[in-house]
């Protein structure tokens, strides 16, 4: 994940911060990085661990997915809704629910 992200250009959105295992190496790339998680405790811990990264509490099903590079270990039950949002965005159509 980190190697592929390093080859892409533009700001990165990390969906689901977890405990920071992939987010910390992403931050080390020195790119503009935003990380979101729905769990406020994980957000708080990661903000302390990575003060240079924008870390926010957000729902990936509602947060704007406007970054050119999206990275995430997405839970299985969220994969289809997130992919639908991304496909709708690329097609210029409103996302379906």
PDB file of N, CA and C in Angstrom:
ATOM      1  N   UNK A   1       0.826  -1.195   0.000  1.00  0.00           N
ATOM      2  CA  UNK A   1       0.000   0.000   0.000  1.00  0.00           C
ATOM      3  C   UNK A   1       0.866   1.253   0.000  1.00  0.00           C
ATOM      4  N   UNK A   2       1.903   1.280   0.824  1.00  0.00           N
ATOM      5  CA  UNK A   2       2.745   2.470   0.950  1.00  0.00           C
ATOM      6  C   UNK A   2       3.527   2.699  -0.336  1.00  0.00           C
ATOM      7  N   UNK A   3       4.074   1.628  -0.914  1.00  0.00           N
ATOM      8  CA  UNK A   3       4.867   1.765  -2.136  1.00  0.00           C
ATOM      9  C   UNK A   3       4.020   2.295  -3.285  1.00  0.00           C
ATOM     10  N   UNK A   4       2.816   1.785  -3.442  1.00  0.00           N
ATOM     11  CA  UNK A   4       1.926   2.232  -4.515  1.00  0.00           C
ATOM     12  C   UNK A   4       1.523   3.691  -4.291  1.00  0.00           C
ATOM     13  N   UNK A   5       1.197   4.038  -3.060  1.00  0.00           N
ATOM     14  CA  UNK A   5       0.816   5.417  -2.752  1.00  0.00           C
ATOM     15  C   UNK A   5       1.964   6.367  -3.041  1.00  0.00           C
ATOM     16  N   UNK A   6       3.187   5.935  -2.746  1.00  0.00           N
ATOM     17  CA  UNK A   6       4.360   6.769  -3.002  1.00  0.00           C
ATOM     18  C   UNK A   6       4.567   7.063  -4.475  1.00  0.00           C
ATOM     19  N   UNK A   7       4.032   6.219  -5.357  1.00  0.00           N
ATOM     20  CA  UNK A   7       4.177   6.416  -6.799  1.00  0.00           C
ATOM     21  C   UNK A   7       3.116   7.360  -7.365  1.00  0.00           C
ATOM     22  N   UNK A   8       2.049   7.579  -6.627  1.00  0.00           N
ATOM     23  CA  UNK A   8       0.965   8.452  -7.086  1.00  0.00           C
ATOM     24  C   UNK A   8       1.265   9.894  -6.713  1.00  0.00           C
ATOM     25  N   UNK A   9       0.506  10.806  -7.293  1.00  0.00           N
ATOM     26  CA  UNK A   9       0.683  12.233  -6.998  1.00  0.00           C
ATOM     27  C   UNK A   9      -0.581  12.803  -6.378  1.00  0.00           C
ATOM     28  N   UNK A  10      -0.391  13.841  -5.595  1.00  0.00           N
ATOM     29  CA  UNK A  10      -1.515  14.556  -5.017  1.00  0.00           C
ATOM     30  C   UNK A  10      -1.759  14.198  -3.574  1.00  0.00           C
ATOM     31  N   UNK A  11      -2.657  14.956  -2.943  1.00  0.00           N
ATOM     32  CA  UNK A  11      -2.997  14.743  -1.542  1.00  0.00           C
ATOM     33  C   UNK A  11      -3.620  13.358  -1.331  1.00  0.00           C
ATOM     34  N   UNK A  12      -3.397  12.815  -0.142  1.00  0.00           N
ATOM     35  CA  UNK A  12      -3.850  11.464   0.194  1.00  0.00           C
ATOM     36  C   UNK A  12      -4.923  11.531   1.272  1.00  0.00           C
ATOM     37  N   UNK A  13      -5.972  10.737   1.096  1.00  0.00           N
ATOM     38  CA  UNK A  13      -6.989  10.544   2.135  1.00  0.00           C
ATOM     39  C   UNK A  13      -6.885   9.111   2.603  1.00  0.00           C
ATOM     40  N   UNK A  14      -6.607   8.929   3.892  1.00  0.00           N
ATOM     41  CA  UNK A  14      -6.548   7.597   4.498  1.00  0.00           C
ATOM     42  C   UNK A  14      -7.876   7.362   5.198  1.00  0.00           C
ATOM     43  N   UNK A  15      -8.621   6.378   4.718  1.00  0.00           N
ATOM     44  CA  UNK A  15      -9.923   6.041   5.290  1.00  0.00           C
ATOM     45  C   UNK A  15      -9.705   4.976   6.366  1.00  0.00           C
ATOM     46  N   UNK A  16     -10.081   5.305   7.580  1.00  0.00           N
ATOM     47  CA  UNK A  16      -9.918   4.383   8.700  1.00  0.00           C
ATOM     48  C   UNK A  16      -8.493   4.420   9.220  1.00  0.00           C
ATOM     49  N   UNK A  17      -8.267   5.162  10.273  1.00  0.00           N
ATOM     50  CA  UNK A  17      -6.906   5.304  10.804  1.00  0.00           C
ATOM     51  C   UNK A  17      -6.459   4.064  11.563  1.00  0.00           C
ATOM     52  N   UNK A  18      -7.417   3.361  12.142  1.00  0.00           N
ATOM     53  CA  UNK A  18      -7.041   2.217  12.968  1.00  0.00           C
ATOM     54  C   UNK A  18      -6.098   2.671  14.060  1.00  0.00           C
ATOM     55  N   UNK A  19      -5.103   1.844  14.340  1.00  0.00           N
ATOM     56  CA  UNK A  19      -4.106   2.213  15.346  1.00  0.00           C
ATOM     57  C   UNK A  19      -2.906   2.910  14.730  1.00  0.00           C
ATOM     58  N   UNK A  20      -2.964   3.178  13.430  1.00  0.00           N
ATOM     59  CA  UNK A  20      -1.919   3.951  12.778  1.00  0.00           C
ATOM     60  C   UNK A  20      -0.890   3.131  12.021  1.00  0.00           C
ATOM     61  N   UNK A  21      -1.026   1.805  11.988  1.00  0.00           N
ATOM     62  CA  UNK A  21      -0.011   0.972  11.336  1.00  0.00           C
ATOM     63  C   UNK A  21       0.273   1.420   9.901  1.00  0.00           C
ATOM     64  N   UNK A  22      -0.726   1.587   9.027  1.00  0.00           N
ATOM     65  CA  UNK A  22      -0.395   2.106   7.702  1.00  0.00           C
ATOM     66  C   UNK A  22      -0.322   3.633   7.659  1.00  0.00           C
ATOM     67  N   UNK A  23      -0.964   4.317   8.591  1.00  0.00           N
ATOM     68  CA  UNK A  23      -1.010   5.781   8.554  1.00  0.00           C
ATOM     69  C   UNK A  23       0.350   6.384   8.886  1.00  0.00           C
ATOM     70  N   UNK A  24       1.079   5.802   9.817  1.00  0.00           N
ATOM     71  CA  UNK A  24       2.402   6.323  10.186  1.00  0.00           C
ATOM     72  C   UNK A  24       3.363   6.268   8.994  1.00  0.00           C
ATOM     73  N   UNK A  25       3.473   5.128   8.284  1.00  0.00           N
ATOM     74  CA  UNK A  25       4.340   5.125   7.100  1.00  0.00           C
ATOM     75  C   UNK A  25       3.854   6.065   5.988  1.00  0.00           C
ATOM     76  N   UNK A  26       2.537   6.230   5.853  1.00  0.00           N
ATOM     77  CA  UNK A  26       2.026   7.183   4.872  1.00  0.00           C
ATOM     78  C   UNK A  26       2.480   8.598   5.227  1.00  0.00           C
ATOM     79  N   UNK A  27       2.445   8.938   6.502  1.00  0.00           N
ATOM     80  CA  UNK A  27       2.887  10.263   6.945  1.00  0.00           C
ATOM     81  C   UNK A  27       4.371  10.464   6.645  1.00  0.00           C
ATOM     82  N   UNK A  28       5.145   9.386   6.720  1.00  0.00           N
ATOM     83  CA  UNK A  28       6.581   9.472   6.462  1.00  0.00           C
ATOM     84  C   UNK A  28       6.893   9.786   4.993  1.00  0.00           C
ATOM     85  N   UNK A  29       5.912   9.626   4.110  1.00  0.00           N
ATOM     86  CA  UNK A  29       6.125   9.964   2.697  1.00  0.00           C
ATOM     87  C   UNK A  29       6.258  11.472   2.496  1.00  0.00           C
ATOM     88  N   UNK A  30       5.818  12.242   3.502  1.00  0.00           N
ATOM     89  CA  UNK A  30       5.921  13.696   3.416  1.00  0.00           C
ATOM     90  C   UNK A  30       4.874  14.327   2.519  1.00  0.00           C
ATOM     91  N   UNK A  31       3.816  13.608   2.247  1.00  0.00           N
ATOM     92  CA  UNK A  31       2.738  14.093   1.383  1.00  0.00           C
ATOM     93  C   UNK A  31       1.668  14.782   2.226  1.00  0.00           C
ATOM     94  N   UNK A  32       0.818  15.538   1.551  1.00  0.00           N
ATOM     95  CA  UNK A  32      -0.348  16.127   2.196  1.00  0.00           C
ATOM     96  C   UNK A  32      -1.284  14.962   2.531  1.00  0.00           C
ATOM     97  N   UNK A  33      -1.484  14.696   3.819  1.00  0.00           N
ATOM     98  CA  UNK A  33      -2.231  13.519   4.262  1.00  0.00           C
ATOM     99  C   UNK A  33      -3.351  13.914   5.207  1.00  0.00           C
ATOM    100  N   UNK A  34      -4.540  13.427   4.895  1.00  0.00           N
ATOM    101  CA  UNK A  34      -5.693  13.550   5.771  1.00  0.00           C
ATOM    102  C   UNK A  34      -6.113  12.140   6.137  1.00  0.00           C
ATOM    103  N   UNK A  35      -6.339  11.887   7.413  1.00  0.00           N
ATOM    104  CA  UNK A  35      -6.769  10.568   7.880  1.00  0.00           C
ATOM    105  C   UNK A  35      -8.092  10.723   8.622  1.00  0.00           C
ATOM    106  N   UNK A  36      -9.042   9.841   8.309  1.00  0.00           N
ATOM    107  CA  UNK A  36     -10.339   9.910   8.992  1.00  0.00           C
ATOM    108  C   UNK A  36     -10.660   8.563   9.625  1.00  0.00           C
ATOM    109  N   UNK A  37     -11.383   8.632  10.725  1.00  0.00           N
ATOM    110  CA  UNK A  37     -11.878   7.431  11.401  1.00  0.00           C
ATOM    111  C   UNK A  37     -13.147   7.818  12.143  1.00  0.00           C
ATOM    112  N   UNK A  38     -14.013   6.875  12.302  1.00  0.00           N
ATOM    113  CA  UNK A  38     -15.268   7.145  13.000  1.00  0.00           C
ATOM    114  C   UNK A  38     -15.091   7.059  14.523  1.00  0.00           C
ATOM    115  N   UNK A  39     -14.019   6.432  14.959  1.00  0.00           N
ATOM    116  CA  UNK A  39     -13.757   6.215  16.390  1.00  0.00           C
ATOM    117  C   UNK A  39     -12.974   7.400  16.967  1.00  0.00           C
ATOM    118  N   UNK A  40     -13.614   8.172  17.834  1.00  0.00           N
ATOM    119  CA  UNK A  40     -12.990   9.376  18.386  1.00  0.00           C
ATOM    120  C   UNK A  40     -11.731   9.075  19.199  1.00  0.00           C
ATOM    121  N   UNK A  41     -11.646   7.906  19.830  1.00  0.00           N
ATOM    122  CA  UNK A  41     -10.458   7.556  20.622  1.00  0.00           C
ATOM    123  C   UNK A  41      -9.251   7.330  19.710  1.00  0.00           C
ATOM    124  N   UNK A  42      -9.468   6.662  18.586  1.00  0.00           N
ATOM    125  CA  UNK A  42      -8.375   6.463  17.629  1.00  0.00           C
ATOM    126  C   UNK A  42      -7.942   7.789  17.027  1.00  0.00           C
ATOM    127  N   UNK A  43      -8.881   8.643  16.733  1.00  0.00           N
ATOM    128  CA  UNK A  43      -8.566   9.958  16.186  1.00  0.00           C
ATOM    129  C   UNK A  43      -7.703  10.740  17.177  1.00  0.00           C
ATOM    130  N   UNK A  44      -8.095  10.748  18.413  1.00  0.00           N
ATOM    131  CA  UNK A  44      -7.350  11.485  19.436  1.00  0.00           C
ATOM    132  C   UNK A  44      -5.920  10.960  19.567  1.00  0.00           C
ATOM    133  N   UNK A  45      -5.764   9.628  19.609  1.00  0.00           N
ATOM    134  CA  UNK A  45      -4.423   9.033  19.725  1.00  0.00           C
ATOM    135  C   UNK A  45      -3.552   9.366  18.519  1.00  0.00           C
ATOM    136  N   UNK A  46      -4.147   9.284  17.328  1.00  0.00           N
ATOM    137  CA  UNK A  46      -3.359   9.538  16.131  1.00  0.00           C
ATOM    138  C   UNK A  46      -2.991  11.011  16.000  1.00  0.00           C
ATOM    139  N   UNK A  47      -3.849  11.894  16.454  1.00  0.00           N
ATOM    140  CA  UNK A  47      -3.512  13.327  16.445  1.00  0.00           C
ATOM    141  C   UNK A  47      -2.275  13.582  17.309  1.00  0.00           C
ATOM    142  N   UNK A  48      -2.183  12.889  18.435  1.00  0.00           N
ATOM    143  CA  UNK A  48      -1.017  13.050  19.306  1.00  0.00           C
ATOM    144  C   UNK A  48       0.232  12.439  18.682  1.00  0.00           C
ATOM    145  N   UNK A  49       0.052  11.301  18.020  1.00  0.00           N
ATOM    146  CA  UNK A  49       1.172  10.596  17.410  1.00  0.00           C
ATOM    147  C   UNK A  49       1.695  11.300  16.163  1.00  0.00           C
ATOM    148  N   UNK A  50       0.787  11.878  15.377  1.00  0.00           N
ATOM    149  CA  UNK A  50       1.150  12.502  14.102  1.00  0.00           C
ATOM    150  C   UNK A  50       0.612  13.933  14.028  1.00  0.00           C
ATOM    151  N   UNK A  51       1.253  14.865  14.717  1.00  0.00           N
ATOM    152  CA  UNK A  51       0.731  16.238  14.761  1.00  0.00           C
ATOM    153  C   UNK A  51       0.757  16.951  13.412  1.00  0.00           C
ATOM    154  N   UNK A  52       1.519  16.471  12.436  1.00  0.00           N
ATOM    155  CA  UNK A  52       1.585  17.136  11.129  1.00  0.00           C
ATOM    156  C   UNK A  52       0.530  16.625  10.156  1.00  0.00           C
ATOM    157  N   UNK A  53      -0.225  15.604  10.570  1.00  0.00           N
ATOM    158  CA  UNK A  53      -1.263  15.024   9.712  1.00  0.00           C
ATOM    159  C   UNK A  53      -2.619  15.556  10.158  1.00  0.00           C
ATOM    160  N   UNK A  54      -3.476  15.893   9.182  1.00  0.00           N
ATOM    161  CA  UNK A  54      -4.848  16.264   9.517  1.00  0.00           C
ATOM    162  C   UNK A  54      -5.611  14.988   9.818  1.00  0.00           C
ATOM    163  N   UNK A  55      -6.011  14.831  11.073  1.00  0.00           N
ATOM    164  CA  UNK A  55      -6.748  13.642  11.497  1.00  0.00           C
ATOM    165  C   UNK A  55      -8.105  14.104  11.984  1.00  0.00           C
ATOM    166  N   UNK A  56      -9.153  13.514  11.429  1.00  0.00           N
ATOM    167  CA  UNK A  56     -10.489  13.947  11.810  1.00  0.00           C
ATOM    168  C   UNK A  56     -11.430  12.785  12.039  1.00  0.00           C
ATOM    169  N   UNK A  57     -12.419  13.052  12.867  1.00  0.00           N
ATOM    170  CA  UNK A  57     -13.472  12.062  13.109  1.00  0.00           C
ATOM    171  C   UNK A  57     -14.510  12.244  12.016  1.00  0.00           C
ATOM    172  N   UNK A  58     -14.694  11.206  11.211  1.00  0.00           N
ATOM    173  CA  UNK A  58     -15.638  11.297  10.099  1.00  0.00           C
ATOM    174  C   UNK A  58     -16.078   9.904   9.679  1.00  0.00           C
ATOM    175  N   UNK A  59     -17.241   9.867   9.066  1.00  0.00           N
ATOM    176  CA  UNK A  59     -17.808   8.642   8.517  1.00  0.00           C
ATOM    177  C   UNK A  59     -17.431   8.588   7.040  1.00  0.00           C
ATOM    178  N   UNK A  60     -16.757   7.534   6.619  1.00  0.00           N
ATOM    179  CA  UNK A  60     -16.311   7.412   5.227  1.00  0.00           C
ATOM    180  C   UNK A  60     -17.476   7.350   4.248  1.00  0.00           C
ATOM    181  N   UNK A  61     -18.666   7.046   4.738  1.00  0.00           N
ATOM    182  CA  UNK A  61     -19.829   7.009   3.854  1.00  0.00           C
ATOM    183  C   UNK A  61     -20.423   8.402   3.626  1.00  0.00           C
ATOM    184  N   UNK A  62     -19.933   9.391   4.390  1.00  0.00           N
ATOM    185  CA  UNK A  62     -20.450  10.748   4.255  1.00  0.00           C
ATOM    186  C   UNK A  62     -19.357  11.778   3.963  1.00  0.00           C
ATOM    187  N   UNK A  63     -18.140  11.471   4.330  1.00  0.00           N
ATOM    188  CA  UNK A  63     -17.019  12.397   4.139  1.00  0.00           C
ATOM    189  C   UNK A  63     -16.736  12.574   2.648  1.00  0.00           C
ATOM    190  N   UNK A  64     -16.442  13.804   2.200  1.00  0.00           N
ATOM    191  CA  UNK A  64     -16.105  14.005   0.788  1.00  0.00           C
ATOM    192  C   UNK A  64     -14.875  13.182   0.393  1.00  0.00           C
ATOM    193  N   UNK A  65     -14.992  12.448  -0.688  1.00  0.00           N
ATOM    194  CA  UNK A  65     -13.884  11.622  -1.182  1.00  0.00           C
ATOM    195  C   UNK A  65     -13.251  12.329  -2.379  1.00  0.00           C
ATOM    196  N   UNK A  66     -12.751  13.524  -2.143  1.00  0.00           N
ATOM    197  CA  UNK A  66     -12.277  14.380  -3.219  1.00  0.00           C
ATOM    198  C   UNK A  66     -10.774  14.357  -3.421  1.00  0.00           C
ATOM    199  N   UNK A  67     -10.039  13.670  -2.569  1.00  0.00           N
ATOM    200  CA  UNK A  67      -8.588  13.594  -2.726  1.00  0.00           C
ATOM    201  C   UNK A  67      -8.260  12.731  -3.948  1.00  0.00           C
ATOM    202  N   UNK A  68      -7.179  13.064  -4.664  1.00  0.00           N
ATOM    203  CA  UNK A  68      -6.826  12.255  -5.828  1.00  0.00           C
ATOM    204  C   UNK A  68      -6.344  10.849  -5.457  1.00  0.00           C
ATOM    205  N   UNK A  69      -5.818  10.688  -4.245  1.00  0.00           N
ATOM    206  CA  UNK A  69      -5.328   9.382  -3.809  1.00  0.00           C
ATOM    207  C   UNK A  69      -6.088   8.979  -2.553  1.00  0.00           C
ATOM    208  N   UNK A  70      -6.757   7.833  -2.612  1.00  0.00           N
ATOM    209  CA  UNK A  70      -7.499   7.295  -1.468  1.00  0.00           C
ATOM    210  C   UNK A  70      -6.867   5.984  -1.054  1.00  0.00           C
ATOM    211  N   UNK A  71      -6.649   5.832   0.245  1.00  0.00           N
ATOM    212  CA  UNK A  71      -6.040   4.627   0.794  1.00  0.00           C
ATOM    213  C   UNK A  71      -6.876   4.190   1.979  1.00  0.00           C
ATOM    214  N   UNK A  72      -7.032   2.889   2.144  1.00  0.00           N
ATOM    215  CA  UNK A  72      -7.762   2.437   3.316  1.00  0.00           C
ATOM    216  C   UNK A  72      -7.836   0.932   3.428  1.00  0.00           C
ATOM    217  N   UNK A  73      -7.900   0.479   4.652  1.00  0.00           N
ATOM    218  CA  UNK A  73      -8.244  -0.902   4.952  1.00  0.00           C
ATOM    219  C   UNK A  73      -9.706  -0.847   5.357  1.00  0.00           C
ATOM    220  N   UNK A  74     -10.555  -0.937   4.360  1.00  0.00           N
ATOM    221  CA  UNK A  74     -11.973  -0.708   4.570  1.00  0.00           C
ATOM    222  C   UNK A  74     -12.656  -1.992   5.024  1.00  0.00           C
ATOM    223  N   UNK A  75     -13.469  -1.922   6.070  1.00  0.00           N
ATOM    224  CA  UNK A  75     -14.231  -3.104   6.483  1.00  0.00           C
ATOM    225  C   UNK A  75     -15.097  -3.621   5.336  1.00  0.00           C
ATOM    226  N   UNK A  76     -15.209  -4.916   5.241  1.00  0.00           N
ATOM    227  CA  UNK A  76     -15.919  -5.565   4.139  1.00  0.00           C
ATOM    228  C   UNK A  76     -17.298  -4.961   3.894  1.00  0.00           C
ATOM    229  N   UNK A  77     -18.054  -4.720   4.957  1.00  0.00           N
ATOM    230  CA  UNK A  77     -19.425  -4.231   4.780  1.00  0.00           C
ATOM    231  C   UNK A  77     -19.498  -2.789   4.265  1.00  0.00           C
ATOM    232  N   UNK A  78     -18.370  -2.082   4.250  1.00  0.00           N
ATOM    233  CA  UNK A  78     -18.350  -0.705   3.734  1.00  0.00           C
ATOM    234  C   UNK A  78     -17.768  -0.610   2.326  1.00  0.00           C
ATOM    235  N   UNK A  79     -17.186  -1.691   1.844  1.00  0.00           N
ATOM    236  CA  UNK A  79     -16.512  -1.650   0.547  1.00  0.00           C
ATOM    237  C   UNK A  79     -17.448  -1.251  -0.585  1.00  0.00           C
ATOM    238  N   UNK A  80     -18.585  -1.922  -0.710  1.00  0.00           N
ATOM    239  CA  UNK A  80     -19.503  -1.623  -1.815  1.00  0.00           C
ATOM    240  C   UNK A  80     -20.037  -0.197  -1.756  1.00  0.00           C
ATOM    241  N   UNK A  81     -20.521   0.284  -0.607  1.00  0.00           N
ATOM    242  CA  UNK A  81     -21.016   1.677  -0.591  1.00  0.00           C
ATOM    243  C   UNK A  81     -19.931   2.706  -0.934  1.00  0.00           C
ATOM    244  N   UNK A  82     -18.711   2.478  -0.470  1.00  0.00           N
ATOM    245  CA  UNK A  82     -17.632   3.427  -0.772  1.00  0.00           C
ATOM    246  C   UNK A  82     -17.276   3.366  -2.253  1.00  0.00           C
ATOM    247  N   UNK A  83     -17.194   2.163  -2.808  1.00  0.00           N
ATOM    248  CA  UNK A  83     -16.906   2.039  -4.237  1.00  0.00           C
ATOM    249  C   UNK A  83     -18.000   2.682  -5.086  1.00  0.00           C
ATOM    250  N   UNK A  84     -19.239   2.535  -4.678  1.00  0.00           N
ATOM    251  CA  UNK A  84     -20.336   3.189  -5.413  1.00  0.00           C
ATOM    252  C   UNK A  84     -20.168   4.702  -5.403  1.00  0.00           C
ATOM    253  N   UNK A  85     -19.791   5.244  -4.264  1.00  0.00           N
ATOM    254  CA  UNK A  85     -19.571   6.694  -4.178  1.00  0.00           C
ATOM    255  C   UNK A  85     -18.439   7.124  -5.108  1.00  0.00           C
ATOM    256  N   UNK A  86     -17.352   6.353  -5.118  1.00  0.00           N
ATOM    257  CA  UNK A  86     -16.211   6.688  -5.963  1.00  0.00           C
ATOM    258  C   UNK A  86     -16.560   6.586  -7.446  1.00  0.00           C
ATOM    259  N   UNK A  87     -17.277   5.536  -7.811  1.00  0.00           N
ATOM    260  CA  UNK A  87     -17.669   5.367  -9.211  1.00  0.00           C
ATOM    261  C   UNK A  87     -18.643   6.455  -9.660  1.00  0.00           C
ATOM    262  N   UNK A  88     -19.569   6.819  -8.781  1.00  0.00           N
ATOM    263  CA  UNK A  88     -20.504   7.894  -9.106  1.00  0.00           C
ATOM    264  C   UNK A  88     -19.755   9.213  -9.282  1.00  0.00           C
ATOM    265  N   UNK A  89     -18.764   9.433  -8.442  1.00  0.00           N
ATOM    266  CA  UNK A  89     -17.972  10.664  -8.540  1.00  0.00           C
ATOM    267  C   UNK A  89     -17.227  10.702  -9.866  1.00  0.00           C
ATOM    268  N   UNK A  90     -16.618   9.600 -10.263  1.00  0.00           N
ATOM    269  CA  UNK A  90     -15.849   9.590 -11.501  1.00  0.00           C
ATOM    270  C   UNK A  90     -16.757   9.693 -12.727  1.00  0.00           C
ATOM    271  N   UNK A  91     -18.001   9.233 -12.600  1.00  0.00           N
ATOM    272  CA  UNK A  91     -18.941   9.318 -13.721  1.00  0.00           C
ATOM    273  C   UNK A  91     -19.704  10.642 -13.723  1.00  0.00           C
ATOM    274  N   UNK A  92     -19.535  11.442 -12.651  1.00  0.00           N
ATOM    275  CA  UNK A  92     -20.237  12.719 -12.550  1.00  0.00           C
ATOM    276  C   UNK A  92     -21.681  12.582 -12.125  1.00  0.00           C
ATOM    277  N   UNK A  93     -22.047  11.404 -11.628  1.00  0.00           N
ATOM    278  CA  UNK A  93     -23.425  11.171 -11.208  1.00  0.00           C
ATOM    279  C   UNK A  93     -23.523  11.278  -9.693  1.00  0.00           C
ATOM    280  N   UNK A  94     -24.711  11.580  -9.177  1.00  0.00           N
ATOM    281  CA  UNK A  94     -24.875  11.574  -7.723  1.00  0.00           C
ATOM    282  C   UNK A  94     -24.759  10.139  -7.208  1.00  0.00           C
ATOM    283  N   UNK A  95     -24.157   9.950  -6.017  1.00  0.00           N
ATOM    284  CA  UNK A  95     -24.017   8.597  -5.487  1.00  0.00           C
ATOM    285  C   UNK A  95     -25.354   7.957  -5.165  1.00  0.00           C
ATOM    286  N   UNK A  96     -25.451   6.663  -5.407  1.00  0.00           N
ATOM    287  CA  UNK A  96     -26.690   5.943  -5.037  1.00  0.00           C
ATOM    288  C   UNK A  96     -26.517   5.345  -3.662  1.00  0.00           C
ATOM    289  N   UNK A  97     -27.623   5.085  -2.985  1.00  0.00           N
ATOM    290  CA  UNK A  97     -27.527   4.539  -1.632  1.00  0.00           C
ATOM    291  C   UNK A  97     -27.672   3.067  -1.601  1.00  0.00           C
TER     292      UNK A  97
END
